[in-house]
Each structure stands twice: as C-alpha cells, then as structure tokens.
N, C-alpha and C. Protein backbone atom coordinates (compact mmCIF):
# COMPACT_ATOMS: atom_id res chain seq x y z
N UNK A 1 0.91 -1.24 -0.09
CA UNK A 1 0.09 0.04 0.11
C UNK A 1 0.92 1.17 0.15
N UNK A 2 0.62 1.96 -0.91
CA UNK A 2 1.46 2.89 -1.19
C UNK A 2 0.57 4.37 -0.62
N UNK A 3 -0.59 4.26 -0.22
CA UNK A 3 -1.16 5.52 0.20
C UNK A 3 -1.44 5.84 1.67
N UNK A 4 -0.61 5.04 2.19
CA UNK A 4 -0.42 5.29 3.92
C UNK A 4 -0.22 6.74 4.27
N UNK A 5 0.39 7.90 3.46
CA UNK A 5 0.20 9.28 3.72
C UNK A 5 -0.74 9.77 3.50
N UNK A 6 -1.79 9.36 3.00
CA UNK A 6 -3.39 9.70 3.07
C UNK A 6 -3.98 9.55 4.32
N UNK A 7 -3.70 8.68 5.25
CA UNK A 7 -4.19 8.07 6.32
C UNK A 7 -3.37 8.33 7.44
N UNK A 8 -1.79 8.65 7.26
CA UNK A 8 -1.14 8.78 8.79
C UNK A 8 -0.80 10.45 8.56
N UNK A 9 -0.74 11.06 9.80
CA UNK A 9 -0.23 12.40 9.90
C UNK A 9 0.47 12.73 11.16
N UNK A 10 1.31 13.97 10.87
CA UNK A 10 1.79 14.27 11.72
C UNK A 10 1.75 15.90 12.31
N UNK A 11 1.10 15.99 13.49
CA UNK A 11 0.94 17.48 13.74
C UNK A 11 1.48 17.68 14.85
N UNK A 12 2.15 18.89 15.16
CA UNK A 12 2.55 19.19 16.51
C UNK A 12 1.66 19.51 17.65
N UNK A 13 0.33 19.87 17.19
CA UNK A 13 -0.69 20.03 17.91
C UNK A 13 -1.62 18.91 18.46
N UNK A 14 -1.25 17.82 17.69
CA UNK A 14 -2.05 16.69 17.94
C UNK A 14 -1.05 15.49 18.22
N UNK A 15 -1.23 14.95 19.64
CA UNK A 15 -0.43 13.79 19.98
C UNK A 15 0.73 14.33 19.98
N UNK A 16 1.15 15.33 20.59
CA UNK A 16 3.03 15.85 20.50
C UNK A 16 3.54 15.62 19.19
N UNK A 17 2.87 15.68 18.00
CA UNK A 17 3.66 15.36 16.81
C UNK A 17 3.89 13.86 16.38
N UNK A 18 3.22 13.12 17.37
CA UNK A 18 3.63 11.76 16.83
C UNK A 18 2.74 11.28 15.59
N UNK A 19 3.05 10.24 15.16
CA UNK A 19 2.19 9.84 14.05
C UNK A 19 0.92 9.39 14.49
N UNK A 20 -0.02 9.75 13.78
CA UNK A 20 -1.34 9.19 14.37
C UNK A 20 -2.15 9.07 12.93
N UNK A 21 -3.62 8.31 13.00
CA UNK A 21 -4.42 8.28 12.13
C UNK A 21 -5.35 9.57 11.83
N UNK A 22 -5.20 9.79 10.72
CA UNK A 22 -5.97 11.31 10.44
C UNK A 22 -7.28 11.38 10.79
N UNK A 23 -7.69 12.52 11.42
CA UNK A 23 -8.91 12.65 12.22
C UNK A 23 -8.88 12.04 13.56
N UNK A 24 -8.08 11.44 13.89
CA UNK A 24 -8.05 10.63 15.42
C UNK A 24 -6.98 11.18 16.09
N UNK A 25 -7.06 10.42 17.39
CA UNK A 25 -5.98 10.78 18.17
C UNK A 25 -5.26 9.15 18.59
N UNK A 26 -5.76 8.55 17.55
CA UNK A 26 -4.98 7.14 17.72
C UNK A 26 -3.50 6.90 17.44
N UNK A 27 -2.60 6.75 18.10
CA UNK A 27 -1.20 6.37 17.59
C UNK A 27 -0.92 5.56 16.69
N UNK A 28 -0.10 5.72 15.76
CA UNK A 28 0.26 4.58 15.07
C UNK A 28 0.92 3.50 15.53
N UNK A 29 1.80 3.84 16.85
CA UNK A 29 2.64 2.89 17.82
C UNK A 29 1.54 2.18 18.54
N UNK A 30 0.29 2.74 18.76
CA UNK A 30 -0.74 2.11 19.53
C UNK A 30 -1.27 0.60 18.75
N UNK A 31 -1.50 1.24 17.22
CA UNK A 31 -1.80 0.19 16.77
C UNK A 31 -1.02 -1.01 16.56
N UNK A 32 0.37 -0.72 16.37
CA UNK A 32 1.36 -1.64 15.88
C UNK A 32 1.65 -2.36 17.44
N UNK A 33 1.79 -1.80 18.43
CA UNK A 33 1.75 -2.42 19.61
C UNK A 33 0.55 -3.65 19.93
N UNK A 34 -0.51 -3.23 19.72
CA UNK A 34 -1.85 -4.14 19.72
C UNK A 34 -1.42 -5.33 18.52
N UNK A 35 -0.90 -4.94 17.49
CA UNK A 35 -0.88 -6.16 16.36
C UNK A 35 0.31 -7.17 16.96
N UNK A 36 1.57 -6.51 17.54
CA UNK A 36 2.40 -7.22 17.95
C UNK A 36 2.23 -8.25 19.17
N UNK A 37 1.27 -7.71 19.85
CA UNK A 37 0.56 -8.48 20.96
C UNK A 37 -0.30 -9.55 20.48
N UNK A 38 -0.58 -9.71 19.51
CA UNK A 38 -1.35 -10.88 19.41
C UNK A 38 -2.78 -10.66 18.76
N UNK A 39 -3.17 -9.21 18.97
CA UNK A 39 -4.81 -8.73 18.71
C UNK A 39 -5.14 -8.86 17.48
N UNK A 40 -6.06 -9.37 17.30
CA UNK A 40 -6.49 -9.46 15.59
C UNK A 40 -6.69 -8.10 15.08
N UNK A 41 -7.04 -7.76 13.83
CA UNK A 41 -7.40 -6.51 13.15
C UNK A 41 -8.83 -6.25 13.65
N UNK A 42 -9.75 -6.98 13.82
CA UNK A 42 -11.04 -7.00 14.26
C UNK A 42 -10.94 -6.44 15.66
N UNK A 43 -9.90 -7.15 16.34
CA UNK A 43 -9.97 -6.68 18.06
C UNK A 43 -9.35 -5.07 17.76
N UNK A 44 -8.57 -4.97 17.39
CA UNK A 44 -8.05 -3.43 17.35
C UNK A 44 -9.28 -2.58 16.82
N UNK A 45 -9.93 -2.91 15.72
CA UNK A 45 -11.08 -2.03 15.15
C UNK A 45 -12.34 -1.95 16.51
N UNK A 46 -12.50 -3.03 17.03
CA UNK A 46 -13.20 -2.69 18.11
C UNK A 46 -12.73 -1.93 18.98
N UNK A 47 -11.61 -1.97 19.52
CA UNK A 47 -11.03 -1.34 20.39
C UNK A 47 -10.98 0.33 20.21
N UNK A 48 -10.93 0.52 18.96
CA UNK A 48 -10.59 1.88 18.31
C UNK A 48 -11.74 1.94 17.40
N UNK A 49 -13.07 2.30 17.83
CA UNK A 49 -14.24 2.46 16.65
C UNK A 49 -13.75 3.59 15.69
N UNK A 50 -12.89 4.54 15.93
CA UNK A 50 -12.95 5.60 15.00
C UNK A 50 -12.00 5.02 13.87
N UNK A 51 -11.26 3.73 14.14
CA UNK A 51 -10.61 3.41 12.80
C UNK A 51 -11.10 2.45 11.76
N UNK A 52 -10.75 2.54 10.41
CA UNK A 52 -11.40 1.88 9.59
C UNK A 52 -10.25 0.81 9.51
N UNK A 53 -10.70 -0.57 8.77
CA UNK A 53 -9.57 -1.33 8.01
C UNK A 53 -8.55 -0.76 7.52
N UNK A 54 -8.86 -0.03 6.56
CA UNK A 54 -7.69 0.78 5.82
C UNK A 54 -6.64 1.50 6.55
N UNK A 55 -7.10 1.96 8.07
CA UNK A 55 -6.08 2.47 8.67
C UNK A 55 -4.99 1.59 9.26
N UNK A 56 -5.59 0.29 9.22
CA UNK A 56 -4.71 -0.64 9.75
C UNK A 56 -3.57 -1.22 8.96
N UNK A 57 -4.02 -1.20 7.52
CA UNK A 57 -3.54 -1.70 6.59
C UNK A 57 -2.39 -0.42 6.24
N UNK A 58 -2.78 0.82 6.35
CA UNK A 58 -1.83 2.03 6.46
C UNK A 58 -0.81 1.88 7.43
N UNK A 59 -1.03 1.65 8.51
CA UNK A 59 0.07 1.40 9.74
C UNK A 59 1.08 0.58 9.30
N UNK A 60 0.76 -0.64 8.89
CA UNK A 60 1.31 -1.68 8.36
C UNK A 60 2.30 -1.43 7.41
N UNK A 61 1.71 -0.59 6.29
CA UNK A 61 2.56 -0.02 5.28
C UNK A 61 3.66 1.17 5.78
N UNK A 62 3.34 1.81 6.78
CA UNK A 62 4.33 2.88 7.23
C UNK A 62 5.19 1.94 8.04
N UNK A 63 4.95 0.85 8.48
CA UNK A 63 5.98 0.20 9.70
C UNK A 63 6.82 -0.32 8.43
N UNK A 64 6.23 -0.84 7.68
CA UNK A 64 7.32 -1.61 6.44
C UNK A 64 8.16 -0.69 5.92
N UNK A 65 7.74 0.66 5.31
CA UNK A 65 8.46 1.61 4.84
C UNK A 65 9.67 2.01 5.92
N UNK A 66 9.55 2.13 7.20
CA UNK A 66 10.41 2.59 7.92
C UNK A 66 11.36 1.49 8.36
N UNK A 67 11.01 0.21 8.35
CA UNK A 67 11.88 -0.68 8.52
C UNK A 67 12.91 -0.55 7.51
N UNK A 68 12.60 0.04 6.01
CA UNK A 68 13.79 -0.34 4.97
C UNK A 68 14.77 0.95 5.44
N UNK A 69 14.57 1.75 6.22
CA UNK A 69 15.18 2.69 6.33
C UNK A 69 15.68 2.95 7.64
N UNK A 70 15.53 2.02 8.73
CA UNK A 70 16.19 1.93 10.06
C UNK A 70 16.35 0.68 10.37
N UNK A 71 17.18 0.24 11.16
CA UNK A 71 17.26 -0.89 11.67
C UNK A 71 17.81 -1.29 13.10
N UNK A 72 17.79 -2.13 13.57
CA UNK A 72 18.38 -2.61 14.99
C UNK A 72 19.33 -3.65 14.95
N UNK A 73 20.14 -3.34 15.60
CA UNK A 73 21.63 -3.81 15.72
C UNK A 73 21.26 -5.03 16.58
N UNK A 74 21.70 -6.37 16.12
CA UNK A 74 21.42 -7.38 16.75
C UNK A 74 22.90 -8.25 16.97
N UNK A 75 22.93 -8.93 18.15
CA UNK A 75 24.44 -9.02 18.57
C UNK A 75 24.62 -10.32 17.46
N UNK A 76 25.87 -10.73 17.16
CA UNK A 76 26.45 -11.78 16.31
C UNK A 76 25.99 -13.21 16.66
N UNK A 77 26.01 -13.24 18.00
CA UNK A 77 25.56 -14.65 18.23
C UNK A 77 24.01 -14.23 19.66
N UNK A 78 23.13 -15.19 19.60
CA UNK A 78 22.16 -14.81 20.38
C UNK A 78 22.31 -16.04 21.35
N UNK A 79 22.54 -15.35 23.02
CA UNK A 79 22.49 -16.31 23.77
C UNK A 79 21.68 -17.50 24.09
N UNK A 80 22.18 -18.52 24.52
CA UNK A 80 20.96 -19.62 24.46
C UNK A 80 20.21 -19.71 25.88
C-alpha cells in the first residue's frame, strides 16, 4: 500500500507530533503494539471504533517503509 500518507499524519498540535491516524488521536505505535501483542485486526478495530480497516493497512505499510530505512543492531550470537 503506497497510500499510507493519506491516512497517517504528524501534527505538533495533535499527540505531541507523533504519527497518528488522520482525524483521530490514535497513535500508529498503539496500533502496532496491539498487533504485535497478538490482537487481531477485528479486535483493534473494536477497541478503537474511529478506525477503519484501511487505517490498519496504512499502519502496516508505514511500519514496513520505516523498516527499510532504519534497523536495530543484533548481537552476532544470540545467547542460549
């Protein structure tokens, strides 16, 4: 999805300038946190009724784009 820019905004006057879904105060990070914890798309949409399914798609597309530009260094060996 390339249209995430239509749904995700940054405004210094809203949520301290953190990325959120346009027209809401739902942070992109909150949606990602919920999905990472195993909540289904339907559960996220139920918890945040102002969201639409396309907002979740946009959040995932945004996260994918960020992952191409940023990385987390991992140790050479993972302790057992």
